[in-house]
Amino acid sequence: MTTRLLLASLHLLALGIGLGAVFARARALREPLGDSGLSRVFFTDNLWALAAVLWLTTGLVRAFGGFEKDTAYYLATPLFHLKITLFLVVFLLELWPMVTLVRWRRRRRRGEPVDTAAAETIARISYVQTAIVVGMVFVASAMARGV
């Protein structure tokens, strides 16, 4: 029971961290991107990554580790498939921003100028991801209530 509570709590905390982080990253990308602006972008991006790892690990353990409902329940539930699909869409949308921000970090660390021309596009992607995560909350809530 304690493990189930801990896993569920961490899964929900990841939602708060992730939703706030991806939204804050989008906003930070629309501000001036000098040294302090880039620091804000990187900080919020780190939180977004932390949330993703937390979501993924706790979600997989909860669904397939025998701590919650039986794995067969999840695999037979269309809403679970929708939730996973939405997660995958968020992940696929993140691939290009992740690579771009890693490049920015490297250039900044080496003291080279950072070309932030992609900032607006990454901000738009982040807002789309925010909306998808909100959608995932509705799907998860419906699933939890047996809809």
N, C-alpha and C. Protein backbone atom coordinates (compact mmCIF):
# COMPACT_ATOMS: atom_id res chain seq x y z
N MET A 1 0.83 -1.19 0.00
CA MET A 1 0.00 0.00 0.00
C MET A 1 0.87 1.25 0.00
N THR A 2 1.94 1.27 0.77
CA THR A 2 2.82 2.43 0.83
C THR A 2 3.49 2.67 -0.51
N THR A 3 3.92 1.61 -1.17
CA THR A 3 4.57 1.75 -2.48
C THR A 3 3.58 2.29 -3.50
N ARG A 4 2.36 1.78 -3.50
CA ARG A 4 1.33 2.28 -4.42
C ARG A 4 1.08 3.77 -4.20
N LEU A 5 1.00 4.18 -2.95
CA LEU A 5 0.77 5.59 -2.62
C LEU A 5 1.93 6.44 -3.09
N LEU A 6 3.15 5.98 -2.85
CA LEU A 6 4.34 6.71 -3.27
C LEU A 6 4.39 6.84 -4.79
N LEU A 7 4.15 5.74 -5.50
CA LEU A 7 4.19 5.78 -6.96
C LEU A 7 3.12 6.72 -7.52
N ALA A 8 1.91 6.64 -6.99
CA ALA A 8 0.82 7.50 -7.45
C ALA A 8 1.14 8.97 -7.15
N SER A 9 1.68 9.23 -5.98
CA SER A 9 2.02 10.61 -5.61
C SER A 9 3.11 11.17 -6.50
N LEU A 10 4.15 10.39 -6.75
CA LEU A 10 5.23 10.84 -7.63
C LEU A 10 4.73 11.07 -9.05
N HIS A 11 3.82 10.20 -9.49
CA HIS A 11 3.25 10.35 -10.83
C HIS A 11 2.48 11.68 -10.94
N LEU A 12 1.71 11.99 -9.91
CA LEU A 12 0.96 13.25 -9.91
C LEU A 12 1.87 14.46 -9.73
N LEU A 13 2.90 14.33 -8.92
CA LEU A 13 3.85 15.43 -8.77
C LEU A 13 4.56 15.72 -10.10
N ALA A 14 4.84 14.68 -10.85
CA ALA A 14 5.46 14.86 -12.17
C ALA A 14 4.56 15.70 -13.07
N LEU A 15 3.25 15.51 -12.94
CA LEU A 15 2.30 16.32 -13.71
C LEU A 15 2.46 17.79 -13.38
N GLY A 16 2.47 18.11 -12.10
CA GLY A 16 2.62 19.51 -11.70
C GLY A 16 3.94 20.10 -12.15
N ILE A 17 5.01 19.34 -11.97
CA ILE A 17 6.33 19.81 -12.40
C ILE A 17 6.35 19.99 -13.91
N GLY A 18 5.90 18.99 -14.63
CA GLY A 18 5.97 19.01 -16.09
C GLY A 18 5.09 20.06 -16.73
N LEU A 19 3.87 20.15 -16.27
CA LEU A 19 2.95 21.13 -16.85
C LEU A 19 3.47 22.55 -16.62
N GLY A 20 3.92 22.82 -15.40
CA GLY A 20 4.48 24.13 -15.11
C GLY A 20 5.75 24.40 -15.90
N ALA A 21 6.59 23.37 -16.02
CA ALA A 21 7.89 23.55 -16.69
C ALA A 21 7.75 23.79 -18.18
N VAL A 22 6.90 23.02 -18.84
CA VAL A 22 6.80 23.18 -20.30
C VAL A 22 6.15 24.52 -20.64
N PHE A 23 5.20 24.95 -19.82
CA PHE A 23 4.58 26.26 -20.03
C PHE A 23 5.59 27.38 -19.75
N ALA A 24 6.35 27.23 -18.66
CA ALA A 24 7.36 28.24 -18.32
C ALA A 24 8.47 28.28 -19.38
N ARG A 25 8.82 27.13 -19.94
CA ARG A 25 9.83 27.11 -21.00
C ARG A 25 9.33 27.89 -22.21
N ALA A 26 8.08 27.70 -22.57
CA ALA A 26 7.52 28.44 -23.70
C ALA A 26 7.58 29.93 -23.46
N ARG A 27 7.21 30.35 -22.27
CA ARG A 27 7.25 31.78 -21.94
C ARG A 27 8.68 32.31 -21.94
N ALA A 28 9.60 31.53 -21.37
CA ALA A 28 11.00 31.95 -21.30
C ALA A 28 11.59 32.10 -22.71
N LEU A 29 11.16 31.25 -23.62
CA LEU A 29 11.67 31.31 -25.00
C LEU A 29 11.18 32.55 -25.74
N ARG A 30 10.15 33.18 -25.23
CA ARG A 30 9.61 34.39 -25.87
C ARG A 30 10.15 35.67 -25.25
N GLU A 31 10.99 35.53 -24.23
CA GLU A 31 11.63 36.68 -23.60
C GLU A 31 12.99 36.90 -24.25
N PRO A 32 13.64 38.03 -23.97
CA PRO A 32 14.99 38.24 -24.51
C PRO A 32 15.91 37.10 -24.07
N LEU A 33 16.68 36.58 -25.02
CA LEU A 33 17.49 35.40 -24.74
C LEU A 33 18.97 35.72 -24.59
N GLY A 34 19.25 36.67 -23.71
CA GLY A 34 20.63 36.92 -23.32
C GLY A 34 21.05 35.82 -22.35
N ASP A 35 22.08 36.07 -21.60
CA ASP A 35 22.60 35.05 -20.69
C ASP A 35 21.57 34.62 -19.65
N SER A 36 20.90 35.58 -19.01
CA SER A 36 19.91 35.21 -17.99
C SER A 36 18.67 34.57 -18.62
N GLY A 37 18.30 35.01 -19.81
CA GLY A 37 17.17 34.41 -20.51
C GLY A 37 17.43 32.96 -20.86
N LEU A 38 18.64 32.70 -21.35
CA LEU A 38 19.01 31.31 -21.65
C LEU A 38 19.05 30.47 -20.39
N SER A 39 19.50 31.05 -19.30
CA SER A 39 19.52 30.31 -18.02
C SER A 39 18.11 29.89 -17.63
N ARG A 40 17.13 30.79 -17.82
CA ARG A 40 15.73 30.45 -17.51
C ARG A 40 15.23 29.34 -18.42
N VAL A 41 15.55 29.44 -19.70
CA VAL A 41 15.13 28.40 -20.65
C VAL A 41 15.71 27.05 -20.24
N PHE A 42 17.00 27.02 -19.92
CA PHE A 42 17.65 25.76 -19.57
C PHE A 42 17.12 25.20 -18.24
N PHE A 43 16.85 26.08 -17.29
CA PHE A 43 16.31 25.62 -16.01
C PHE A 43 14.93 24.99 -16.20
N THR A 44 14.06 25.67 -16.93
CA THR A 44 12.72 25.11 -17.14
C THR A 44 12.78 23.85 -17.99
N ASP A 45 13.71 23.81 -18.93
CA ASP A 45 13.88 22.60 -19.75
C ASP A 45 14.36 21.43 -18.89
N ASN A 46 15.24 21.69 -17.92
CA ASN A 46 15.68 20.64 -17.00
C ASN A 46 14.51 20.10 -16.18
N LEU A 47 13.64 20.99 -15.72
CA LEU A 47 12.46 20.55 -14.97
C LEU A 47 11.53 19.71 -15.85
N TRP A 48 11.37 20.12 -17.09
CA TRP A 48 10.54 19.38 -18.04
C TRP A 48 11.12 17.98 -18.25
N ALA A 49 12.42 17.87 -18.37
CA ALA A 49 13.07 16.57 -18.53
C ALA A 49 12.90 15.71 -17.27
N LEU A 50 13.07 16.32 -16.11
CA LEU A 50 12.87 15.60 -14.85
C LEU A 50 11.46 15.04 -14.77
N ALA A 51 10.48 15.86 -15.12
CA ALA A 51 9.09 15.42 -15.08
C ALA A 51 8.86 14.26 -16.05
N ALA A 52 9.44 14.34 -17.23
CA ALA A 52 9.26 13.26 -18.21
C ALA A 52 9.82 11.95 -17.70
N VAL A 53 11.01 12.00 -17.10
CA VAL A 53 11.61 10.78 -16.55
C VAL A 53 10.76 10.23 -15.41
N LEU A 54 10.28 11.11 -14.56
CA LEU A 54 9.44 10.71 -13.43
C LEU A 54 8.13 10.11 -13.92
N TRP A 55 7.49 10.77 -14.88
CA TRP A 55 6.24 10.24 -15.45
C TRP A 55 6.45 8.86 -16.04
N LEU A 56 7.48 8.76 -16.86
CA LEU A 56 7.72 7.50 -17.57
C LEU A 56 8.02 6.37 -16.59
N THR A 57 8.92 6.60 -15.66
CA THR A 57 9.29 5.51 -14.75
C THR A 57 8.13 5.13 -13.82
N THR A 58 7.48 6.11 -13.22
CA THR A 58 6.37 5.77 -12.32
C THR A 58 5.20 5.20 -13.09
N GLY A 59 4.95 5.72 -14.29
CA GLY A 59 3.86 5.19 -15.10
C GLY A 59 4.08 3.75 -15.51
N LEU A 60 5.29 3.44 -15.95
CA LEU A 60 5.59 2.06 -16.35
C LEU A 60 5.52 1.10 -15.16
N VAL A 61 6.06 1.54 -14.03
CA VAL A 61 6.02 0.68 -12.84
C VAL A 61 4.58 0.47 -12.38
N ARG A 62 3.78 1.53 -12.41
CA ARG A 62 2.38 1.40 -11.99
C ARG A 62 1.60 0.50 -12.93
N ALA A 63 1.82 0.64 -14.24
CA ALA A 63 1.03 -0.12 -15.21
C ALA A 63 1.50 -1.56 -15.36
N PHE A 64 2.81 -1.77 -15.24
CA PHE A 64 3.34 -3.10 -15.56
C PHE A 64 4.10 -3.76 -14.41
N GLY A 65 4.15 -3.12 -13.26
CA GLY A 65 4.91 -3.67 -12.14
C GLY A 65 4.09 -4.40 -11.11
N GLY A 66 2.80 -4.53 -11.34
CA GLY A 66 1.96 -5.26 -10.41
C GLY A 66 1.57 -4.49 -9.16
N PHE A 67 1.73 -3.17 -9.18
CA PHE A 67 1.39 -2.38 -8.00
C PHE A 67 -0.03 -1.82 -8.06
N GLU A 68 -0.55 -1.70 -9.25
CA GLU A 68 -1.90 -1.15 -9.42
C GLU A 68 -2.80 -2.25 -9.96
N LYS A 69 -3.68 -1.87 -10.84
CA LYS A 69 -4.55 -2.86 -11.48
C LYS A 69 -3.68 -3.80 -12.31
N ASP A 70 -4.23 -4.92 -12.65
CA ASP A 70 -3.52 -5.90 -13.46
C ASP A 70 -3.13 -5.30 -14.81
N THR A 71 -1.97 -5.69 -15.32
CA THR A 71 -1.49 -5.19 -16.61
C THR A 71 -2.52 -5.42 -17.71
N ALA A 72 -3.21 -6.54 -17.66
CA ALA A 72 -4.23 -6.85 -18.67
C ALA A 72 -5.32 -5.77 -18.69
N TYR A 73 -5.64 -5.22 -17.53
CA TYR A 73 -6.64 -4.15 -17.47
C TYR A 73 -6.19 -2.96 -18.30
N TYR A 74 -4.95 -2.54 -18.10
CA TYR A 74 -4.43 -1.39 -18.84
C TYR A 74 -4.39 -1.66 -20.33
N LEU A 75 -3.91 -2.83 -20.70
CA LEU A 75 -3.77 -3.16 -22.12
C LEU A 75 -5.12 -3.29 -22.82
N ALA A 76 -6.17 -3.58 -22.06
CA ALA A 76 -7.50 -3.72 -22.65
C ALA A 76 -8.31 -2.43 -22.61
N THR A 77 -7.74 -1.38 -22.04
CA THR A 77 -8.48 -0.12 -21.88
C THR A 77 -8.11 0.86 -22.98
N PRO A 78 -9.07 1.20 -23.86
CA PRO A 78 -8.77 2.14 -24.95
C PRO A 78 -8.26 3.50 -24.46
N LEU A 79 -8.74 3.97 -23.32
CA LEU A 79 -8.27 5.25 -22.81
C LEU A 79 -6.80 5.19 -22.40
N PHE A 80 -6.34 4.03 -21.94
CA PHE A 80 -4.92 3.87 -21.63
C PHE A 80 -4.10 4.01 -22.91
N HIS A 81 -4.59 3.39 -23.99
CA HIS A 81 -3.90 3.50 -25.28
C HIS A 81 -3.87 4.96 -25.76
N LEU A 82 -4.97 5.67 -25.54
CA LEU A 82 -5.01 7.08 -25.91
C LEU A 82 -4.01 7.89 -25.07
N LYS A 83 -3.95 7.61 -23.78
CA LYS A 83 -3.02 8.33 -22.90
C LYS A 83 -1.57 8.07 -23.35
N ILE A 84 -1.25 6.84 -23.65
CA ILE A 84 0.11 6.50 -24.11
C ILE A 84 0.39 7.16 -25.46
N THR A 85 -0.60 7.17 -26.33
CA THR A 85 -0.43 7.82 -27.63
C THR A 85 -0.15 9.30 -27.45
N LEU A 86 -0.89 9.96 -26.57
CA LEU A 86 -0.66 11.38 -26.30
C LEU A 86 0.74 11.60 -25.73
N PHE A 87 1.17 10.71 -24.83
CA PHE A 87 2.53 10.81 -24.28
C PHE A 87 3.56 10.69 -25.41
N LEU A 88 3.34 9.75 -26.31
CA LEU A 88 4.27 9.57 -27.43
C LEU A 88 4.29 10.78 -28.35
N VAL A 89 3.14 11.40 -28.56
CA VAL A 89 3.08 12.61 -29.38
C VAL A 89 3.91 13.72 -28.72
N VAL A 90 3.74 13.87 -27.40
CA VAL A 90 4.54 14.87 -26.67
C VAL A 90 6.02 14.56 -26.83
N PHE A 91 6.38 13.28 -26.69
CA PHE A 91 7.79 12.88 -26.82
C PHE A 91 8.31 13.16 -28.23
N LEU A 92 7.54 12.81 -29.24
CA LEU A 92 7.99 13.05 -30.62
C LEU A 92 8.12 14.53 -30.92
N LEU A 93 7.18 15.32 -30.40
CA LEU A 93 7.29 16.77 -30.56
C LEU A 93 8.53 17.32 -29.87
N GLU A 94 9.00 16.63 -28.83
CA GLU A 94 10.14 17.10 -28.04
C GLU A 94 11.49 16.80 -28.68
N LEU A 95 11.54 15.90 -29.62
CA LEU A 95 12.84 15.47 -30.16
C LEU A 95 13.64 16.64 -30.74
N TRP A 96 13.04 17.41 -31.62
CA TRP A 96 13.77 18.53 -32.23
C TRP A 96 14.13 19.61 -31.20
N PRO A 97 13.18 20.06 -30.34
CA PRO A 97 13.57 21.03 -29.32
C PRO A 97 14.68 20.52 -28.40
N MET A 98 14.62 19.24 -28.04
CA MET A 98 15.64 18.68 -27.16
C MET A 98 17.03 18.76 -27.81
N VAL A 99 17.12 18.35 -29.05
CA VAL A 99 18.41 18.39 -29.76
C VAL A 99 18.88 19.84 -29.90
N THR A 100 17.97 20.72 -30.24
CA THR A 100 18.32 22.14 -30.41
C THR A 100 18.82 22.74 -29.11
N LEU A 101 18.13 22.48 -28.02
CA LEU A 101 18.53 23.05 -26.73
C LEU A 101 19.85 22.44 -26.24
N VAL A 102 20.10 21.18 -26.54
CA VAL A 102 21.40 20.58 -26.20
C VAL A 102 22.50 21.31 -26.96
N ARG A 103 22.26 21.61 -28.22
CA ARG A 103 23.26 22.36 -29.01
C ARG A 103 23.48 23.76 -28.43
N TRP A 104 22.41 24.41 -28.03
CA TRP A 104 22.54 25.73 -27.41
C TRP A 104 23.39 25.65 -26.15
N ARG A 105 23.13 24.64 -25.34
CA ARG A 105 23.89 24.47 -24.09
C ARG A 105 25.37 24.29 -24.39
N ARG A 106 25.69 23.45 -25.37
CA ARG A 106 27.10 23.21 -25.72
C ARG A 106 27.79 24.49 -26.17
N ARG A 107 27.11 25.22 -27.05
CA ARG A 107 27.70 26.46 -27.56
C ARG A 107 27.92 27.45 -26.42
N ARG A 108 26.95 27.56 -25.55
CA ARG A 108 27.07 28.49 -24.43
C ARG A 108 28.22 28.08 -23.52
N ARG A 109 28.34 26.80 -23.23
CA ARG A 109 29.42 26.30 -22.38
C ARG A 109 30.80 26.61 -22.97
N ARG A 110 30.88 26.54 -24.30
CA ARG A 110 32.16 26.81 -24.97
C ARG A 110 32.41 28.31 -25.16
N GLY A 111 31.43 29.12 -24.75
CA GLY A 111 31.57 30.56 -24.89
C GLY A 111 31.29 31.05 -26.29
N GLU A 112 30.65 30.22 -27.12
CA GLU A 112 30.32 30.58 -28.49
C GLU A 112 28.94 31.24 -28.53
N PRO A 113 28.68 32.05 -29.54
CA PRO A 113 27.35 32.65 -29.65
C PRO A 113 26.29 31.59 -29.93
N VAL A 114 25.12 31.80 -29.34
CA VAL A 114 24.01 30.86 -29.51
C VAL A 114 23.02 31.46 -30.48
N ASP A 115 22.74 30.72 -31.55
CA ASP A 115 21.74 31.16 -32.53
C ASP A 115 20.36 30.75 -32.03
N THR A 116 19.61 31.72 -31.54
CA THR A 116 18.31 31.44 -30.93
C THR A 116 17.15 31.65 -31.90
N ALA A 117 17.43 31.57 -33.18
CA ALA A 117 16.38 31.80 -34.18
C ALA A 117 15.22 30.80 -34.04
N ALA A 118 15.49 29.65 -33.50
CA ALA A 118 14.45 28.62 -33.37
C ALA A 118 13.58 28.80 -32.12
N ALA A 119 13.87 29.81 -31.32
CA ALA A 119 13.18 29.98 -30.04
C ALA A 119 11.67 30.07 -30.19
N GLU A 120 11.20 30.83 -31.15
CA GLU A 120 9.75 31.00 -31.33
C GLU A 120 9.09 29.67 -31.71
N THR A 121 9.73 28.90 -32.54
CA THR A 121 9.18 27.61 -32.95
C THR A 121 9.14 26.65 -31.76
N ILE A 122 10.20 26.63 -30.97
CA ILE A 122 10.22 25.77 -29.79
C ILE A 122 9.16 26.22 -28.79
N ALA A 123 8.95 27.51 -28.66
CA ALA A 123 7.90 28.03 -27.77
C ALA A 123 6.53 27.53 -28.23
N ARG A 124 6.27 27.60 -29.54
CA ARG A 124 4.97 27.12 -30.06
C ARG A 124 4.81 25.63 -29.80
N ILE A 125 5.86 24.86 -30.02
CA ILE A 125 5.80 23.42 -29.75
C ILE A 125 5.52 23.19 -28.27
N SER A 126 6.14 23.97 -27.41
CA SER A 126 5.94 23.82 -25.97
C SER A 126 4.49 24.11 -25.58
N TYR A 127 3.88 25.11 -26.22
CA TYR A 127 2.47 25.38 -25.93
C TYR A 127 1.58 24.24 -26.40
N VAL A 128 1.89 23.64 -27.53
CA VAL A 128 1.13 22.48 -28.01
C VAL A 128 1.29 21.33 -27.02
N GLN A 129 2.51 21.12 -26.55
CA GLN A 129 2.74 20.06 -25.57
C GLN A 129 1.96 20.33 -24.28
N THR A 130 1.89 21.59 -23.87
CA THR A 130 1.11 21.95 -22.69
C THR A 130 -0.34 21.52 -22.86
N ALA A 131 -0.91 21.82 -24.01
CA ALA A 131 -2.30 21.46 -24.28
C ALA A 131 -2.49 19.94 -24.29
N ILE A 132 -1.53 19.22 -24.85
CA ILE A 132 -1.64 17.77 -24.90
C ILE A 132 -1.56 17.18 -23.48
N VAL A 133 -0.67 17.72 -22.66
CA VAL A 133 -0.57 17.24 -21.27
C VAL A 133 -1.88 17.48 -20.53
N VAL A 134 -2.50 18.63 -20.75
CA VAL A 134 -3.80 18.89 -20.13
C VAL A 134 -4.82 17.85 -20.63
N GLY A 135 -4.78 17.54 -21.90
CA GLY A 135 -5.65 16.50 -22.45
C GLY A 135 -5.40 15.15 -21.79
N MET A 136 -4.14 14.86 -21.52
CA MET A 136 -3.80 13.60 -20.85
C MET A 136 -4.42 13.52 -19.46
N VAL A 137 -4.51 14.65 -18.79
CA VAL A 137 -5.14 14.68 -17.46
C VAL A 137 -6.61 14.27 -17.57
N PHE A 138 -7.30 14.78 -18.57
CA PHE A 138 -8.71 14.43 -18.76
C PHE A 138 -8.86 12.95 -19.09
N VAL A 139 -7.98 12.44 -19.93
CA VAL A 139 -8.02 11.02 -20.30
C VAL A 139 -7.75 10.16 -19.07
N ALA A 140 -6.73 10.53 -18.29
CA ALA A 140 -6.39 9.75 -17.09
C ALA A 140 -7.53 9.79 -16.07
N SER A 141 -8.16 10.95 -15.93
CA SER A 141 -9.29 11.06 -14.99
C SER A 141 -10.46 10.20 -15.44
N ALA A 142 -10.73 10.19 -16.74
CA ALA A 142 -11.82 9.34 -17.26
C ALA A 142 -11.47 7.87 -17.06
N MET A 143 -10.23 7.52 -17.28
CA MET A 143 -9.81 6.14 -17.13
C MET A 143 -9.94 5.70 -15.66
N ALA A 144 -9.56 6.57 -14.75
CA ALA A 144 -9.62 6.25 -13.32
C ALA A 144 -11.07 6.06 -12.84
N ARG A 145 -11.99 6.68 -13.56
CA ARG A 145 -13.39 6.58 -13.18
C ARG A 145 -14.15 5.54 -14.00
N GLY A 146 -13.41 4.73 -14.76
CA GLY A 146 -14.01 3.63 -15.50
C GLY A 146 -14.84 4.03 -16.71
N VAL A 147 -14.57 5.20 -17.25
CA VAL A 147 -15.31 5.65 -18.44
C VAL A 147 -14.89 4.83 -19.64
